[in-house]
Every structure is written in structure tokens, then in C-alpha cells.
Amino acid sequence: MKIYDYNGRKNICGDRVHEARCKHRLTQSDLAARLQVAGIIIERDSISRIEIGTRFVADYELRELANILKVSVGWLLGIE
């Protein structure tokens, strides 16, 4: 499997995930717990890796992140 990156990162939403998470005063553990309740198996360290750009984000994870953080997928991707 080929490993892809974009400008040295594995995702483009990490900075925005961090920004929205902090705005809602959620810890990484809180966000992981909310994702788990929504059916996405993820741990706190994966949230950290998303935010620093070293973990890929699946489309279903992106959709649920947007829902939990009360932002649009477009905003998370930096196109809005």
C-alpha cells in the first residue's frame, strides 16, 4: 500500500478539528468518547494524531467529527 501525504500531512482537517474542539472546550478524550458513542472506534491518541496531521481521516469519521463539533465538512476541509 502506498502512503500518501499532502504537504507533509496525512490529512487537511487536523488544524480545524483542534480549533473546533477547543472552541467547544472538549478534551481529546471527550471527543473520542463522543465518536465512540456514535459508533466510531477511536482512542484519544488517534485524535491527537489527527490534529497533528499524522493520521488519515476516513470519510465517515470526517462526517461524524463535523456533526459532533457542529461545523460543516466543508469547513473542516478548509473549503468554506
N, C-alpha and C. Protein backbone atom coordinates (compact mmCIF):
# COMPACT_ATOMS: atom_id res chain seq x y z
N MET A 1 0.84 -1.18 0.00
CA MET A 1 0.00 0.00 0.00
C MET A 1 0.88 1.24 0.00
N LYS A 2 0.58 2.16 -0.88
CA LYS A 2 1.34 3.40 -0.96
C LYS A 2 0.83 4.38 0.10
N ILE A 3 1.75 5.02 0.77
CA ILE A 3 1.41 6.00 1.79
C ILE A 3 1.39 7.38 1.14
N TYR A 4 0.27 8.06 1.27
CA TYR A 4 0.10 9.37 0.68
C TYR A 4 0.20 10.45 1.75
N ASP A 5 0.67 11.60 1.34
CA ASP A 5 0.60 12.75 2.22
C ASP A 5 0.42 14.00 1.38
N TYR A 6 -0.05 15.04 2.01
CA TYR A 6 -0.33 16.32 1.36
C TYR A 6 0.42 17.38 2.15
N ASN A 7 1.43 17.93 1.54
CA ASN A 7 2.28 18.93 2.21
C ASN A 7 2.82 18.39 3.53
N GLY A 8 3.22 17.13 3.53
CA GLY A 8 3.81 16.52 4.71
C GLY A 8 2.82 16.04 5.76
N ARG A 9 1.52 16.12 5.45
CA ARG A 9 0.49 15.70 6.40
C ARG A 9 -0.36 14.61 5.79
N LYS A 10 -0.98 13.84 6.65
CA LYS A 10 -1.86 12.76 6.20
C LYS A 10 -3.32 13.21 6.09
N ASN A 11 -3.62 14.42 6.57
CA ASN A 11 -4.98 14.97 6.43
C ASN A 11 -4.89 16.49 6.35
N ILE A 12 -6.00 17.11 5.94
CA ILE A 12 -6.03 18.57 5.88
C ILE A 12 -7.02 19.16 6.88
N CYS A 13 -7.63 18.29 7.68
CA CYS A 13 -8.65 18.77 8.61
C CYS A 13 -8.15 18.90 10.06
N GLY A 14 -6.96 18.43 10.35
CA GLY A 14 -6.48 18.37 11.73
C GLY A 14 -6.48 19.69 12.47
N ASP A 15 -6.01 20.74 11.80
CA ASP A 15 -5.97 22.05 12.46
C ASP A 15 -7.38 22.53 12.81
N ARG A 16 -8.31 22.30 11.90
CA ARG A 16 -9.69 22.73 12.13
C ARG A 16 -10.37 21.87 13.20
N VAL A 17 -10.06 20.59 13.24
CA VAL A 17 -10.60 19.73 14.30
C VAL A 17 -10.13 20.27 15.65
N HIS A 18 -8.87 20.59 15.75
CA HIS A 18 -8.32 21.14 17.00
C HIS A 18 -9.01 22.45 17.37
N GLU A 19 -9.15 23.34 16.39
CA GLU A 19 -9.78 24.64 16.63
C GLU A 19 -11.22 24.48 17.14
N ALA A 20 -12.00 23.66 16.46
CA ALA A 20 -13.40 23.46 16.85
C ALA A 20 -13.51 22.74 18.19
N ARG A 21 -12.63 21.77 18.43
CA ARG A 21 -12.65 21.05 19.71
C ARG A 21 -12.38 22.01 20.86
N CYS A 22 -11.40 22.87 20.70
CA CYS A 22 -11.07 23.84 21.76
C CYS A 22 -12.20 24.85 21.95
N LYS A 23 -12.83 25.26 20.85
CA LYS A 23 -13.94 26.20 20.94
C LYS A 23 -15.07 25.63 21.78
N HIS A 24 -15.31 24.34 21.67
CA HIS A 24 -16.36 23.68 22.44
C HIS A 24 -15.86 23.17 23.80
N ARG A 25 -14.62 23.48 24.11
CA ARG A 25 -14.00 23.11 25.39
C ARG A 25 -14.07 21.61 25.65
N LEU A 26 -13.76 20.85 24.59
CA LEU A 26 -13.71 19.40 24.71
C LEU A 26 -12.26 18.96 24.80
N THR A 27 -11.99 17.98 25.62
CA THR A 27 -10.66 17.37 25.61
C THR A 27 -10.61 16.37 24.47
N GLN A 28 -9.43 15.91 24.14
CA GLN A 28 -9.30 14.87 23.13
C GLN A 28 -10.03 13.62 23.58
N SER A 29 -9.98 13.31 24.86
CA SER A 29 -10.70 12.15 25.39
C SER A 29 -12.21 12.32 25.26
N ASP A 30 -12.70 13.53 25.51
CA ASP A 30 -14.14 13.81 25.35
C ASP A 30 -14.58 13.57 23.91
N LEU A 31 -13.79 14.09 22.97
CA LEU A 31 -14.12 13.94 21.56
C LEU A 31 -14.09 12.47 21.15
N ALA A 32 -13.09 11.74 21.59
CA ALA A 32 -13.00 10.31 21.28
C ALA A 32 -14.21 9.57 21.85
N ALA A 33 -14.63 9.92 23.06
CA ALA A 33 -15.78 9.27 23.69
C ALA A 33 -17.06 9.54 22.90
N ARG A 34 -17.24 10.76 22.43
CA ARG A 34 -18.43 11.09 21.65
C ARG A 34 -18.43 10.35 20.31
N LEU A 35 -17.25 10.22 19.72
CA LEU A 35 -17.16 9.45 18.47
C LEU A 35 -17.47 7.98 18.73
N GLN A 36 -17.01 7.45 19.85
CA GLN A 36 -17.28 6.06 20.20
C GLN A 36 -18.78 5.83 20.39
N VAL A 37 -19.46 6.76 21.04
CA VAL A 37 -20.91 6.66 21.22
C VAL A 37 -21.61 6.64 19.86
N ALA A 38 -21.04 7.37 18.89
CA ALA A 38 -21.60 7.43 17.54
C ALA A 38 -21.23 6.19 16.71
N GLY A 39 -20.46 5.28 17.29
CA GLY A 39 -20.14 4.04 16.61
C GLY A 39 -18.79 4.00 15.92
N ILE A 40 -17.97 5.00 16.15
CA ILE A 40 -16.64 5.05 15.54
C ILE A 40 -15.62 4.64 16.59
N ILE A 41 -14.90 3.57 16.31
CA ILE A 41 -13.91 3.08 17.26
C ILE A 41 -12.63 3.91 17.10
N ILE A 42 -12.37 4.73 18.10
CA ILE A 42 -11.22 5.63 18.06
C ILE A 42 -10.79 5.92 19.50
N GLU A 43 -9.52 6.13 19.69
CA GLU A 43 -8.98 6.43 21.02
C GLU A 43 -8.44 7.86 21.06
N ARG A 44 -8.13 8.33 22.26
CA ARG A 44 -7.63 9.69 22.43
C ARG A 44 -6.37 9.94 21.62
N ASP A 45 -5.46 8.98 21.57
CA ASP A 45 -4.21 9.19 20.84
C ASP A 45 -4.46 9.34 19.34
N SER A 46 -5.52 8.75 18.84
CA SER A 46 -5.86 8.93 17.42
C SER A 46 -6.35 10.35 17.16
N ILE A 47 -7.08 10.94 18.10
CA ILE A 47 -7.50 12.33 17.97
C ILE A 47 -6.26 13.22 17.93
N SER A 48 -5.31 12.95 18.79
CA SER A 48 -4.06 13.71 18.81
C SER A 48 -3.35 13.61 17.46
N ARG A 49 -3.27 12.41 16.92
CA ARG A 49 -2.58 12.20 15.64
C ARG A 49 -3.33 12.86 14.48
N ILE A 50 -4.67 12.89 14.56
CA ILE A 50 -5.45 13.62 13.54
C ILE A 50 -5.08 15.10 13.60
N GLU A 51 -5.07 15.65 14.80
CA GLU A 51 -4.82 17.09 14.97
C GLU A 51 -3.42 17.49 14.52
N ILE A 52 -2.44 16.62 14.69
CA ILE A 52 -1.08 16.98 14.25
C ILE A 52 -0.80 16.53 12.83
N GLY A 53 -1.77 15.85 12.22
CA GLY A 53 -1.66 15.51 10.81
C GLY A 53 -0.93 14.23 10.48
N THR A 54 -0.77 13.34 11.44
CA THR A 54 -0.05 12.09 11.18
C THR A 54 -0.98 10.89 11.03
N ARG A 55 -2.30 11.13 11.00
CA ARG A 55 -3.26 10.03 10.83
C ARG A 55 -4.26 10.41 9.74
N PHE A 56 -4.54 9.44 8.88
CA PHE A 56 -5.57 9.63 7.88
C PHE A 56 -6.93 9.73 8.56
N VAL A 57 -7.87 10.43 7.92
CA VAL A 57 -9.23 10.54 8.42
C VAL A 57 -10.16 9.97 7.35
N ALA A 58 -10.91 8.94 7.73
CA ALA A 58 -11.87 8.34 6.80
C ALA A 58 -13.06 9.27 6.60
N ASP A 59 -13.74 9.12 5.48
CA ASP A 59 -14.88 10.00 5.19
C ASP A 59 -15.97 9.90 6.25
N TYR A 60 -16.25 8.70 6.74
CA TYR A 60 -17.28 8.55 7.77
C TYR A 60 -16.84 9.20 9.09
N GLU A 61 -15.54 9.20 9.37
CA GLU A 61 -15.03 9.87 10.57
C GLU A 61 -15.17 11.38 10.42
N LEU A 62 -14.87 11.88 9.23
CA LEU A 62 -14.96 13.32 8.97
C LEU A 62 -16.40 13.79 9.14
N ARG A 63 -17.35 13.02 8.60
CA ARG A 63 -18.76 13.39 8.73
C ARG A 63 -19.18 13.45 10.19
N GLU A 64 -18.77 12.47 10.98
CA GLU A 64 -19.17 12.45 12.39
C GLU A 64 -18.43 13.52 13.20
N LEU A 65 -17.18 13.79 12.86
CA LEU A 65 -16.45 14.89 13.52
C LEU A 65 -17.19 16.20 13.29
N ALA A 66 -17.62 16.45 12.06
CA ALA A 66 -18.35 17.68 11.74
C ALA A 66 -19.64 17.75 12.55
N ASN A 67 -20.35 16.64 12.65
CA ASN A 67 -21.60 16.60 13.39
C ASN A 67 -21.36 16.91 14.87
N ILE A 68 -20.41 16.26 15.47
CA ILE A 68 -20.13 16.45 16.91
C ILE A 68 -19.62 17.86 17.20
N LEU A 69 -18.77 18.37 16.31
CA LEU A 69 -18.18 19.70 16.53
C LEU A 69 -19.06 20.84 16.03
N LYS A 70 -20.24 20.48 15.46
CA LYS A 70 -21.22 21.47 14.99
C LYS A 70 -20.63 22.41 13.94
N VAL A 71 -19.92 21.82 13.00
CA VAL A 71 -19.38 22.55 11.85
C VAL A 71 -19.69 21.73 10.60
N SER A 72 -19.44 22.30 9.44
CA SER A 72 -19.68 21.55 8.20
C SER A 72 -18.41 20.78 7.81
N VAL A 73 -18.62 19.75 7.01
CA VAL A 73 -17.48 19.01 6.48
C VAL A 73 -16.63 19.95 5.64
N GLY A 74 -17.28 20.82 4.87
CA GLY A 74 -16.54 21.80 4.07
C GLY A 74 -15.64 22.68 4.91
N TRP A 75 -16.14 23.09 6.07
CA TRP A 75 -15.31 23.92 6.95
C TRP A 75 -14.10 23.14 7.45
N LEU A 76 -14.34 21.89 7.84
CA LEU A 76 -13.21 21.06 8.31
C LEU A 76 -12.16 20.89 7.22
N LEU A 77 -12.61 20.85 5.98
CA LEU A 77 -11.68 20.68 4.85
C LEU A 77 -11.08 22.00 4.37
N GLY A 78 -11.54 23.10 4.94
CA GLY A 78 -10.98 24.40 4.57
C GLY A 78 -11.50 24.94 3.25
N ILE A 79 -12.69 24.47 2.82
CA ILE A 79 -13.23 24.98 1.56
C ILE A 79 -14.41 25.90 1.77
N GLU A 80 -14.74 26.19 2.98
CA GLU A 80 -15.80 27.16 3.31
C GLU A 80 -15.24 28.25 4.17
